[in-house]
Amino acid sequence: MTEPTHGHHPEANPYDNRRQVLYWRLLARLFDHEEQPALESSSLAVVEDIGLPPALLDPQTSVDSIVQRHPELAAELDGLMVPQAGTPGQGDPVSATGSEAECESGTESGTDGETGAETDVETETEAEAEADPEGDGRDRDAEVRRAALVSKVLLNVFAAPSGTVTAGQLSRWQSDAGWLERALGCRPGELRGGRTGRGTAVPGGVAPTGTGVGFGTPDLSRLIPAIGPELGAIEAELVRRMRLREVLADPRLAAQLTPSMSLVEQLLRDKDNLSGVALANAKDLIRRFVEEVAEVLRTQVEKASVGALDRSVPPKRVFRNLDLDRTIWKNLTNWSPEEERLYVDRLYYRHTARRTTPQRLIVVVDQSGSMVDSMVNCTILASIFAGLPKVDVHLIAYDTQALDLTPWVHDPFETLLRTNLGGGTDGTVAMTLAQPKIAEPRNTVVVWISDFYEWRAEPLFASMVAIHRSGAKFIPVGSVTSSGRASVNPWFRERFKDLGTPVVSGHIRKLVQELKTFLA
């Protein structure tokens, strides 16, 4: 695709060019999946210049993830494409009541939307060419900011995944489509389901102050009658290409599946939609994967030594505990020079039992969509520690709600089936469950596993500081994966470091060693 040249109007304002770069990039990515390097680098410079996160340009990053990390953008996205009453420069402005009627009725009032949109673009272009770049009263930074947000929402929705679709991809697309509906002044799901008569997310169809369509932002609200069916068609196509359920319904095909973290993620996301043979096969795959990972983690736990030897406990008389050197030394008096043979009348064994004091291990895991690996690994790890003597393990999972999974902590399979992957992140609800469990701080360790992109960061961190100062061991962990990948909110990372409890690397072996050291 040929990249556009800018400056066809000699007097074109550079602010207008920035907005045009973003829209040209949007068109390029919609019609050609290959990146245009010049457009990508120019768009990145524009986004960074206006103070928006670079992740806004990544089609693989969901709108939910961006809003989770930058909550202030939620208000800007609501009603982003709804015209403000009395907004100049829109050609033929849509009134507040007209916009509401579009979302609520979906009538033929928008059938000429495409023609109207073209007229708006032409009028807008003429207005830009004739406007005084310095004295027309336009907030061009706000225009560029809106263009970046509009591009993000449209690209994520209309550049849908190709090929076979996973449950995670479908869930992410549905979430992004919900944000598009919110940007158009409707509630999530209204346009896709044809339920456009139940009100709008933006009262009266007018965007809140500071948001909504301004100069240079495409007015898509008049295209609502056409956008709704299009969104529904895209969603139906994605569901059709997600054929995992068909495979699970066939025992022969299901048996050919190799358990993996990505497959387990799909099964956990889609488990509520399975039944009968498909559900049984899904459970079998999850159990097989859990057992494979558990075997690896159990070995790592056993390799890490803990506690002083307890010689009051007789050693187990098994071959692996045989102290061969001591046995030979103690039986040297039975050596027969004539026969050149050592007669052994007593075997000596090594002591392996170690002194331990009762300990309480509280594991808190973020079960949002970005923490799937951690949820699986930590659920299994908690069950292994729960099997150790004198270790009382509690497990809490959370997103915007918290769930105490302690009754099932000994069975990671049952625990995972009770999780609900996805959603936002509010650690304060998990803290409410965790704090009462700290009965003896000196004998308690709290492991908090999350990327720490929290809605309510300051009150949560204050609670974590209180746990640390109470004498309990607090271990923050960025993520727990076999590869060691970790993503942590820099705000939390710096404060944990200042507190003297730096974030543990996401590698599973490091967390195992930390826990074993504490239990010593």
Protein backbone atom coordinates (compact mmCIF):
# COMPACT_ATOMS: atom_id res chain seq x y z
CA MET A 1 0.00 0.00 0.00
CA THR A 2 1.49 3.37 -1.03
CA GLU A 3 2.02 5.63 1.95
CA PRO A 4 0.44 9.07 1.72
CA THR A 5 2.38 12.24 1.31
CA HIS A 6 1.41 15.15 3.47
CA GLY A 7 1.34 18.80 2.69
CA HIS A 8 -1.01 18.84 -0.33
CA HIS A 9 -2.19 22.13 1.18
CA PRO A 10 0.87 24.38 1.39
CA GLU A 11 -0.52 26.01 4.50
CA ALA A 12 -1.48 22.68 6.16
CA ASN A 13 -1.03 22.81 9.91
CA PRO A 14 1.37 20.20 11.37
CA TYR A 15 -1.27 19.36 13.99
CA ASP A 16 -3.63 18.32 11.18
CA ASN A 17 -0.85 16.23 9.64
CA ARG A 18 -0.41 14.34 12.89
CA ARG A 19 -4.06 13.39 12.88
CA GLN A 20 -3.89 12.37 9.23
CA VAL A 21 -0.90 10.09 9.97
CA LEU A 22 -2.96 8.21 12.55
CA TYR A 23 -5.92 7.75 10.20
CA TRP A 24 -3.72 6.71 7.26
CA ARG A 25 -2.10 4.11 9.53
CA LEU A 26 -5.55 2.88 10.53
CA LEU A 27 -6.56 2.40 6.89
CA ALA A 28 -3.26 0.71 6.07
CA ARG A 29 -3.62 -1.81 8.93
CA LEU A 30 -7.27 -2.53 8.12
CA PHE A 31 -6.60 -3.38 4.47
CA ASP A 32 -3.10 -4.82 4.76
CA HIS A 33 -1.90 -6.80 7.78
CA GLU A 34 1.73 -6.00 6.98
CA GLU A 35 3.09 -2.99 8.83
CA GLN A 36 4.13 0.13 6.95
CA PRO A 37 7.37 1.09 8.76
CA ALA A 38 7.17 4.82 7.99
CA LEU A 39 3.57 5.07 9.18
CA GLU A 40 4.31 2.99 12.29
CA SER A 41 7.28 5.09 13.36
CA SER A 42 5.45 8.35 12.62
CA SER A 43 2.38 7.21 14.55
CA LEU A 44 4.53 6.16 17.51
CA ALA A 45 6.12 9.61 17.59
CA VAL A 46 2.66 11.24 17.50
CA VAL A 47 1.27 9.06 20.29
CA GLU A 48 4.27 9.64 22.55
CA ASP A 49 4.17 13.37 21.82
CA ILE A 50 0.57 13.69 23.09
CA GLY A 51 1.26 11.63 26.20
CA LEU A 52 -0.61 8.43 25.33
CA PRO A 53 0.83 4.93 25.96
CA PRO A 54 2.63 3.33 22.97
CA ALA A 55 0.58 0.17 23.57
CA LEU A 56 -2.28 2.05 21.95
CA LEU A 57 -0.71 1.17 18.59
CA ASP A 58 -0.44 -2.57 19.28
CA PRO A 59 -3.44 -4.42 17.79
CA GLN A 60 -2.68 -7.39 20.08
CA THR A 61 -3.23 -5.27 23.20
CA SER A 62 -6.88 -5.11 24.19
CA VAL A 63 -8.60 -1.85 25.14
CA ASP A 64 -9.35 -3.43 28.52
CA SER A 65 -5.62 -3.91 29.18
CA ILE A 66 -4.87 -0.30 28.32
CA VAL A 67 -7.71 1.02 30.49
CA GLN A 68 -6.58 -1.24 33.33
CA ARG A 69 -3.14 0.36 33.22
CA HIS A 70 -4.42 3.87 32.49
CA PRO A 71 -7.86 4.19 34.17
CA GLU A 72 -8.16 7.86 33.20
CA LEU A 73 -8.73 6.82 29.56
CA ALA A 74 -12.07 5.14 30.41
CA ALA A 75 -13.85 8.49 30.64
CA GLU A 76 -12.39 9.59 27.30
CA LEU A 77 -13.49 6.42 25.54
CA ASP A 78 -17.10 6.67 26.78
CA GLY A 79 -19.02 8.61 24.13
CA LEU A 80 -15.83 9.19 22.14
CA MET A 81 -17.68 9.15 18.78
CA VAL A 82 -20.92 10.79 19.93
CA PRO A 83 -21.32 14.37 18.62
CA GLN A 84 -21.40 17.10 21.23
CA ALA A 85 -24.36 19.42 21.05
CA GLY A 86 -23.41 22.55 19.17
CA THR A 87 -19.97 21.30 18.12
CA PRO A 88 -18.90 23.47 15.20
CA GLY A 89 -17.15 22.19 12.15
CA GLN A 90 -19.15 18.98 11.84
CA GLY A 91 -20.85 19.91 8.63
CA ASP A 92 -24.42 18.95 9.44
CA PRO A 93 -24.21 18.32 13.21
CA VAL A 94 -26.27 15.56 14.71
CA SER A 95 -28.42 16.86 17.52
CA ALA A 96 -28.41 15.28 20.95
CA THR A 97 -31.84 13.77 20.50
CA GLY A 98 -30.95 12.55 17.03
CA SER A 99 -27.93 10.66 18.34
CA GLU A 100 -29.97 9.02 21.06
CA ALA A 101 -32.59 7.97 18.52
CA GLU A 102 -29.90 6.27 16.42
CA CYS A 103 -28.76 4.03 19.28
CA GLU A 104 -32.23 3.39 20.69
CA SER A 105 -34.23 2.67 17.58
CA GLY A 106 -31.83 1.63 14.82
CA THR A 107 -34.37 2.96 12.30
CA GLU A 108 -33.79 4.00 8.73
CA SER A 109 -32.79 7.49 9.85
CA GLY A 110 -29.22 6.35 9.39
CA THR A 111 -29.53 4.60 6.03
CA ASP A 112 -27.85 7.52 4.32
CA GLY A 113 -25.10 7.47 6.93
CA GLU A 114 -22.30 6.71 4.50
CA THR A 115 -23.23 9.63 2.23
CA GLY A 116 -23.57 11.89 5.25
CA ALA A 117 -20.19 10.74 6.56
CA GLU A 118 -18.58 11.55 3.20
CA THR A 119 -20.16 15.02 3.28
CA ASP A 120 -18.77 15.50 6.80
CA VAL A 121 -15.27 14.54 5.67
CA GLU A 122 -15.43 16.90 2.69
CA THR A 123 -16.70 19.75 4.84
CA GLU A 124 -14.06 19.03 7.43
CA THR A 125 -11.27 19.03 4.82
CA GLU A 126 -12.44 22.36 3.40
CA ALA A 127 -12.67 23.82 6.87
CA GLU A 128 -9.14 22.72 7.69
CA ALA A 129 -7.76 24.20 4.45
CA GLU A 130 -9.41 27.57 5.09
CA ALA A 131 -8.97 27.76 8.87
CA ASP A 132 -6.46 30.06 10.47
CA PRO A 133 -4.01 27.63 12.13
CA GLU A 134 -3.37 30.07 14.96
CA GLY A 135 -6.66 31.85 15.60
CA ASP A 136 -9.57 29.47 15.01
CA GLY A 137 -9.92 28.41 18.64
CA ARG A 138 -9.46 24.67 17.96
CA ASP A 139 -7.76 22.42 20.52
CA ARG A 140 -5.64 20.46 18.08
CA ASP A 141 -3.91 18.39 20.77
CA ALA A 142 -7.34 17.13 21.85
CA GLU A 143 -8.17 16.36 18.22
CA VAL A 144 -5.01 14.28 17.79
CA ARG A 145 -5.66 12.52 21.11
CA ARG A 146 -9.20 11.59 20.02
CA ALA A 147 -7.88 10.40 16.64
CA ALA A 148 -5.46 8.04 18.41
CA LEU A 149 -8.20 6.61 20.64
CA VAL A 150 -10.66 6.24 17.74
CA SER A 151 -7.99 4.45 15.69
CA LYS A 152 -7.30 2.03 18.52
CA VAL A 153 -10.94 1.04 19.01
CA LEU A 154 -11.69 0.69 15.29
CA LEU A 155 -8.51 -1.28 14.54
CA ASN A 156 -9.05 -3.76 17.38
CA VAL A 157 -12.63 -4.44 16.32
CA PHE A 158 -12.46 -4.47 12.53
CA ALA A 159 -9.03 -6.11 12.16
CA ALA A 160 -10.36 -9.34 13.67
CA PRO A 161 -8.08 -12.39 14.16
CA SER A 162 -7.60 -14.64 11.14
CA GLY A 163 -7.44 -18.42 11.03
CA THR A 164 -8.49 -20.59 13.94
CA VAL A 165 -9.70 -18.50 16.85
CA THR A 166 -8.94 -19.24 20.50
CA ALA A 167 -11.35 -18.62 23.35
CA GLY A 168 -9.03 -15.89 24.62
CA GLN A 169 -9.05 -14.10 21.26
CA LEU A 170 -12.84 -14.25 21.10
CA SER A 171 -13.13 -12.91 24.64
CA ARG A 172 -10.72 -10.08 23.86
CA TRP A 173 -12.57 -9.15 20.66
CA GLN A 174 -15.93 -9.11 22.49
CA SER A 175 -14.46 -6.80 25.09
CA ASP A 176 -13.07 -4.45 22.40
CA ALA A 177 -16.44 -4.47 20.59
CA GLY A 178 -18.02 -3.43 23.88
CA TRP A 179 -15.71 -0.43 24.03
CA LEU A 180 -16.69 0.53 20.46
CA GLU A 181 -20.34 0.38 21.47
CA ARG A 182 -19.59 2.58 24.47
CA ALA A 183 -17.73 5.02 22.23
CA LEU A 184 -20.86 5.21 20.06
CA GLY A 185 -23.03 5.99 23.10
CA CYS A 186 -24.54 2.52 23.54
CA ARG A 187 -24.23 -0.12 26.21
CA PRO A 188 -21.84 -3.05 25.52
CA GLY A 189 -23.66 -5.75 23.57
CA GLU A 190 -26.55 -3.56 22.39
CA LEU A 191 -25.45 -3.19 18.78
CA ARG A 192 -24.30 -6.80 18.34
CA GLY A 193 -27.49 -8.20 19.80
CA GLY A 194 -29.81 -5.75 18.06
CA ARG A 195 -30.99 -4.55 21.49
CA THR A 196 -30.74 -0.87 20.61
CA GLY A 197 -33.90 0.16 22.38
CA ARG A 198 -32.64 -0.04 25.95
CA GLY A 199 -31.02 3.31 26.45
CA THR A 200 -27.52 4.65 26.02
CA ALA A 201 -24.39 4.72 28.05
CA VAL A 202 -24.06 8.46 27.46
CA PRO A 203 -27.28 10.16 28.69
CA GLY A 204 -29.06 12.08 25.99
CA GLY A 205 -26.53 11.00 23.40
CA VAL A 206 -24.27 13.89 24.40
CA ALA A 207 -20.73 13.02 25.40
CA PRO A 208 -19.43 14.26 28.73
CA THR A 209 -17.37 17.41 28.83
CA GLY A 210 -13.98 16.85 27.30
CA THR A 211 -15.03 13.83 25.24
CA GLY A 212 -17.17 13.24 22.20
CA VAL A 213 -16.71 14.12 18.56
CA GLY A 214 -14.82 17.31 17.90
CA PHE A 215 -12.98 18.73 14.92
CA GLY A 216 -11.48 16.02 12.75
CA THR A 217 -13.07 13.08 14.57
CA PRO A 218 -15.27 10.94 12.33
CA ASP A 219 -18.96 11.03 13.30
CA LEU A 220 -19.83 7.32 13.19
CA SER A 221 -22.93 7.59 15.35
CA ARG A 222 -25.09 8.08 12.26
CA LEU A 223 -23.80 4.72 10.94
CA ILE A 224 -25.10 2.80 13.95
CA PRO A 225 -27.82 0.93 11.96
CA ALA A 226 -25.07 -0.47 9.68
CA ILE A 227 -22.40 -1.00 12.36
CA GLY A 228 -24.65 -3.18 14.55
CA PRO A 229 -25.22 -5.97 11.99
CA GLU A 230 -21.56 -5.79 10.94
CA LEU A 231 -20.37 -6.37 14.51
CA GLY A 232 -22.79 -9.27 14.86
CA ALA A 233 -21.48 -10.83 11.65
CA ILE A 234 -17.85 -10.53 12.77
CA GLU A 235 -18.64 -12.13 16.13
CA ALA A 236 -20.54 -15.00 14.50
CA GLU A 237 -17.60 -15.66 12.18
CA LEU A 238 -15.14 -15.75 15.08
CA VAL A 239 -17.33 -18.23 16.96
CA ARG A 240 -17.59 -20.39 13.83
CA ARG A 241 -13.81 -20.54 13.53
CA MET A 242 -13.40 -21.49 17.17
CA ARG A 243 -13.82 -25.24 16.61
CA LEU A 244 -12.38 -26.45 19.88
CA ARG A 245 -15.81 -27.51 21.10
CA GLU A 246 -16.26 -29.78 18.06
CA VAL A 247 -12.90 -31.43 18.74
CA LEU A 248 -13.76 -31.96 22.41
CA ALA A 249 -17.08 -33.56 21.46
CA ASP A 250 -15.20 -36.28 19.53
CA PRO A 251 -13.28 -38.55 21.97
CA ARG A 252 -10.94 -39.70 19.19
CA LEU A 253 -9.94 -36.15 18.23
CA ALA A 254 -9.79 -34.99 21.86
CA ALA A 255 -7.34 -37.79 22.66
CA GLN A 256 -4.98 -36.38 20.01
CA LEU A 257 -4.75 -32.99 21.72
CA THR A 258 -1.50 -32.30 23.58
CA PRO A 259 -2.10 -30.56 26.92
CA SER A 260 -0.41 -27.16 27.02
CA MET A 261 -0.74 -23.87 28.87
CA SER A 262 -2.48 -22.19 25.90
CA LEU A 263 -4.93 -25.09 25.55
CA VAL A 264 -5.69 -25.08 29.28
CA GLU A 265 -6.35 -21.33 29.06
CA GLN A 266 -8.90 -21.88 26.29
CA LEU A 267 -10.58 -24.69 28.22
CA LEU A 268 -10.80 -22.66 31.41
CA ARG A 269 -12.28 -19.69 29.55
CA ASP A 270 -14.83 -21.84 27.73
CA LYS A 271 -15.63 -24.42 30.43
CA ASP A 272 -19.05 -22.91 31.23
CA ASN A 273 -20.14 -23.51 27.63
CA LEU A 274 -19.22 -27.20 27.62
CA SER A 275 -21.31 -30.17 28.64
CA GLY A 276 -21.49 -33.94 28.30
CA VAL A 277 -18.65 -35.62 26.42
CA ALA A 278 -16.98 -32.28 25.56
CA LEU A 279 -16.84 -31.26 29.23
CA ALA A 280 -15.49 -34.67 30.28
CA ASN A 281 -12.73 -34.49 27.65
CA ALA A 282 -11.89 -30.92 28.67
CA LYS A 283 -11.53 -31.98 32.32
CA ASP A 284 -9.31 -34.88 31.27
CA LEU A 285 -6.99 -32.55 29.33
CA ILE A 286 -6.77 -30.11 32.23
CA ARG A 287 -6.06 -32.92 34.70
CA ARG A 288 -3.31 -34.36 32.46
CA PHE A 289 -1.63 -30.98 32.18
CA VAL A 290 -1.93 -30.34 35.93
CA GLU A 291 -0.32 -33.70 36.72
CA GLU A 292 2.57 -33.05 34.31
CA VAL A 293 3.32 -29.61 35.76
CA ALA A 294 2.84 -30.88 39.33
CA GLU A 295 5.50 -33.54 38.80
CA VAL A 296 8.02 -30.92 37.69
CA LEU A 297 7.18 -28.52 40.53
CA ARG A 298 7.20 -31.31 43.12
CA THR A 299 10.76 -32.18 42.07
CA GLN A 300 11.85 -28.56 42.45
CA VAL A 301 10.30 -28.35 45.91
CA GLU A 302 12.01 -31.56 47.02
CA LYS A 303 15.41 -30.37 45.74
CA ALA A 304 15.38 -27.29 47.96
CA SER A 305 16.52 -28.21 51.48
CA VAL A 306 14.72 -26.71 54.46
CA GLY A 307 15.09 -26.80 58.23
CA ALA A 308 17.69 -28.40 60.51
CA LEU A 309 17.95 -32.18 60.73
CA ASP A 310 15.82 -33.67 63.50
CA ARG A 311 17.88 -36.57 64.90
CA SER A 312 15.14 -37.46 67.38
CA VAL A 313 13.22 -38.96 64.46
CA PRO A 314 14.58 -42.38 63.43
CA PRO A 315 15.77 -42.44 59.83
CA LYS A 316 13.71 -44.26 57.26
CA ARG A 317 15.36 -47.59 56.45
CA VAL A 318 15.22 -47.33 52.68
CA PHE A 319 18.05 -47.71 50.19
CA ARG A 320 18.16 -44.03 49.18
CA ASN A 321 18.92 -43.10 52.84
CA LEU A 322 21.72 -45.69 53.24
CA ASP A 323 24.92 -44.07 54.56
CA LEU A 324 27.41 -46.31 52.79
CA ASP A 325 30.60 -44.61 54.06
CA ARG A 326 29.52 -44.81 57.70
CA THR A 327 28.34 -48.39 57.28
CA ILE A 328 31.77 -49.47 55.98
CA TRP A 329 33.64 -47.52 58.68
CA LYS A 330 31.57 -48.97 61.53
CA ASN A 331 31.99 -52.54 60.25
CA LEU A 332 35.74 -52.50 59.55
CA THR A 333 36.30 -54.74 62.57
CA ASN A 334 34.47 -57.44 60.62
CA TRP A 335 37.01 -57.42 57.80
CA SER A 336 38.38 -60.89 56.91
CA PRO A 337 41.89 -60.66 55.39
CA GLU A 338 41.88 -64.32 54.40
CA GLU A 339 38.62 -64.05 52.51
CA GLU A 340 39.15 -60.39 51.58
CA ARG A 341 35.54 -59.80 52.51
CA LEU A 342 33.76 -57.34 54.79
CA TYR A 343 30.96 -58.76 56.88
CA VAL A 344 28.27 -56.20 57.72
CA ASP A 345 26.25 -56.81 60.84
CA ARG A 346 24.65 -53.36 60.96
CA LEU A 347 23.48 -50.85 58.35
CA TYR A 348 23.54 -47.12 59.02
CA TYR A 349 21.04 -44.69 57.47
CA ARG A 350 21.04 -40.92 57.04
CA HIS A 351 18.59 -38.77 58.98
CA THR A 352 16.35 -36.88 56.58
CA ALA A 353 13.61 -35.55 58.86
CA ARG A 354 13.95 -31.83 59.57
CA ARG A 355 12.72 -29.66 62.38
CA THR A 356 9.86 -27.43 61.33
CA THR A 357 7.48 -25.14 63.13
CA PRO A 358 3.88 -24.74 62.08
CA GLN A 359 3.74 -22.15 59.27
CA ARG A 360 0.88 -20.50 57.42
CA LEU A 361 1.27 -19.82 53.72
CA ILE A 362 -1.26 -17.43 52.14
CA VAL A 363 -1.12 -17.30 48.35
CA VAL A 364 -3.06 -14.49 46.64
CA VAL A 365 -3.25 -14.76 42.83
CA ASP A 366 -4.52 -12.26 40.30
CA GLN A 367 -6.78 -14.26 37.94
CA SER A 368 -7.22 -11.53 35.32
CA GLY A 369 -6.68 -12.46 31.69
CA SER A 370 -3.00 -11.51 31.67
CA MET A 371 -2.15 -13.83 34.58
CA VAL A 372 -3.31 -17.22 33.28
CA ASP A 373 0.14 -18.86 33.58
CA SER A 374 0.46 -17.63 37.14
CA MET A 375 -2.98 -18.91 38.11
CA VAL A 376 -2.22 -22.42 36.85
CA ASN A 377 1.31 -22.65 38.25
CA CYS A 378 0.48 -21.18 41.64
CA THR A 379 -2.60 -23.34 42.10
CA ILE A 380 -0.45 -26.43 41.57
CA LEU A 381 2.39 -25.07 43.73
CA ALA A 382 -0.02 -24.31 46.59
CA SER A 383 -1.31 -27.89 46.50
CA ILE A 384 2.26 -29.23 46.75
CA PHE A 385 3.10 -27.07 49.77
CA ALA A 386 -0.23 -28.05 51.30
CA GLY A 387 1.04 -31.62 51.31
CA LEU A 388 4.09 -30.73 53.42
CA PRO A 389 3.91 -31.43 57.16
CA LYS A 390 2.95 -28.53 59.43
CA VAL A 391 2.28 -26.12 56.56
CA ASP A 392 -1.17 -24.52 56.52
CA VAL A 393 -1.85 -23.26 52.98
CA HIS A 394 -4.58 -20.78 52.00
CA LEU A 395 -5.33 -19.79 48.39
CA ILE A 396 -7.22 -16.68 47.25
CA ALA A 397 -7.94 -15.73 43.63
CA TYR A 398 -9.27 -12.34 42.58
CA ASP A 399 -10.12 -9.97 39.76
CA THR A 400 -12.76 -7.40 40.75
CA GLN A 401 -14.10 -9.99 43.21
CA ALA A 402 -12.21 -12.36 45.49
CA LEU A 403 -12.72 -16.11 45.89
CA ASP A 404 -11.34 -18.17 48.79
CA LEU A 405 -10.19 -21.46 47.22
CA THR A 406 -8.67 -22.87 50.42
CA PRO A 407 -11.16 -25.79 50.74
CA TRP A 408 -9.90 -27.17 47.41
CA VAL A 409 -6.22 -26.24 47.76
CA HIS A 410 -5.16 -29.92 47.95
CA ASP A 411 -6.71 -30.57 44.50
CA PRO A 412 -5.39 -28.13 41.87
CA PHE A 413 -7.72 -29.56 39.23
CA GLU A 414 -10.86 -28.75 41.23
CA THR A 415 -9.38 -25.37 42.14
CA LEU A 416 -8.83 -24.38 38.51
CA LEU A 417 -12.36 -25.40 37.57
CA ARG A 418 -13.63 -22.87 40.12
CA THR A 419 -11.61 -19.97 38.71
CA ASN A 420 -13.04 -17.36 36.37
CA LEU A 421 -10.29 -15.99 34.16
CA GLY A 422 -10.47 -12.42 32.92
CA GLY A 423 -11.90 -9.17 34.18
CA GLY A 424 -10.37 -6.16 35.90
CA THR A 425 -8.04 -6.05 38.88
CA ASP A 426 -8.98 -4.83 42.37
CA GLY A 427 -6.60 -6.26 44.95
CA THR A 428 -8.38 -4.58 47.86
CA VAL A 429 -11.14 -7.22 47.72
CA ALA A 430 -8.52 -9.98 48.06
CA MET A 431 -6.83 -8.11 50.89
CA THR A 432 -10.13 -8.14 52.78
CA LEU A 433 -10.02 -11.96 52.74
CA ALA A 434 -6.27 -12.28 53.38
CA GLN A 435 -5.82 -10.02 56.42
CA PRO A 436 -8.02 -12.03 58.85
CA LYS A 437 -5.98 -15.16 58.04
CA ILE A 438 -2.81 -13.62 59.53
CA ALA A 439 -3.22 -14.88 63.10
CA GLU A 440 0.52 -15.19 63.95
CA PRO A 441 2.47 -12.75 61.75
CA ARG A 442 5.91 -14.20 62.64
CA ASN A 443 4.86 -17.61 61.32
CA THR A 444 3.01 -16.32 58.25
CA VAL A 445 4.14 -15.68 54.70
CA VAL A 446 1.93 -13.87 52.21
CA VAL A 447 2.75 -14.43 48.52
CA TRP A 448 1.01 -11.89 46.28
CA ILE A 449 1.20 -12.74 42.58
CA SER A 450 0.06 -10.07 40.12
CA ASP A 451 1.25 -7.59 37.53
CA PHE A 452 0.07 -4.96 40.06
CA TYR A 453 -1.83 -2.84 37.54
CA GLU A 454 -4.52 -2.07 40.09
CA TRP A 455 -7.59 0.14 40.05
CA ARG A 456 -6.97 1.24 43.65
CA ALA A 457 -3.20 1.17 43.95
CA GLU A 458 -2.56 3.42 46.98
CA PRO A 459 -4.97 1.81 49.50
CA LEU A 460 -3.79 -1.65 48.41
CA PHE A 461 -0.13 -0.76 48.86
CA ALA A 462 -0.89 0.72 52.29
CA SER A 463 -2.40 -2.62 53.35
CA MET A 464 0.67 -4.47 52.04
CA VAL A 465 2.94 -2.18 54.06
CA ALA A 466 0.86 -2.95 57.17
CA ILE A 467 1.34 -6.71 56.61
CA HIS A 468 5.10 -6.25 56.22
CA ARG A 469 5.39 -4.14 59.38
CA SER A 470 3.30 -6.61 61.39
CA GLY A 471 6.18 -9.11 61.16
CA ALA A 472 4.71 -11.34 58.48
CA LYS A 473 6.84 -12.20 55.48
CA PHE A 474 5.44 -10.48 52.37
CA ILE A 475 6.65 -11.70 48.96
CA PRO A 476 5.45 -9.77 45.88
CA VAL A 477 5.79 -11.74 42.65
CA GLY A 478 5.42 -10.28 39.16
CA SER A 479 4.22 -13.50 37.57
CA VAL A 480 4.97 -17.19 37.85
CA THR A 481 5.82 -18.81 34.53
CA SER A 482 8.21 -21.51 33.39
CA SER A 483 9.97 -18.98 31.12
CA GLY A 484 10.40 -16.33 33.79
CA ARG A 485 8.53 -13.56 31.96
CA ALA A 486 7.27 -10.90 34.32
CA SER A 487 5.44 -7.61 33.86
CA VAL A 488 5.08 -5.35 36.88
CA ASN A 489 3.63 -1.88 37.34
CA PRO A 490 6.69 0.42 37.79
CA TRP A 491 4.82 2.38 40.50
CA PHE A 492 4.56 -0.76 42.67
CA ARG A 493 8.04 -2.04 41.74
CA GLU A 494 9.77 1.08 43.06
CA ARG A 495 7.75 1.15 46.28
CA PHE A 496 8.33 -2.53 47.00
CA LYS A 497 12.06 -1.93 46.54
CA ASP A 498 11.99 1.01 48.96
CA LEU A 499 10.07 -1.14 51.45
CA GLY A 500 12.79 -3.79 51.38
CA THR A 501 10.61 -6.41 49.70
CA PRO A 502 11.68 -6.30 46.04
CA VAL A 503 9.50 -8.07 43.51
CA VAL A 504 10.63 -11.65 43.00
CA SER A 505 11.46 -12.62 39.44
CA GLY A 506 8.65 -14.45 37.73
CA HIS A 507 10.61 -17.70 37.41
CA ILE A 508 8.91 -20.52 39.28
CA ARG A 509 12.21 -21.83 40.73
CA LYS A 510 12.94 -18.55 42.48
CA LEU A 511 9.55 -18.50 44.17
CA VAL A 512 10.03 -22.10 45.32
CA GLN A 513 13.40 -21.19 46.86
CA GLU A 514 11.94 -18.12 48.61
CA LEU A 515 9.17 -20.17 50.18
CA LYS A 516 11.47 -22.97 51.26
CA THR A 517 13.89 -20.49 52.83
CA PHE A 518 11.09 -18.96 54.89
CA LEU A 519 9.81 -22.33 56.04
CA ALA A 520 13.33 -23.07 57.34
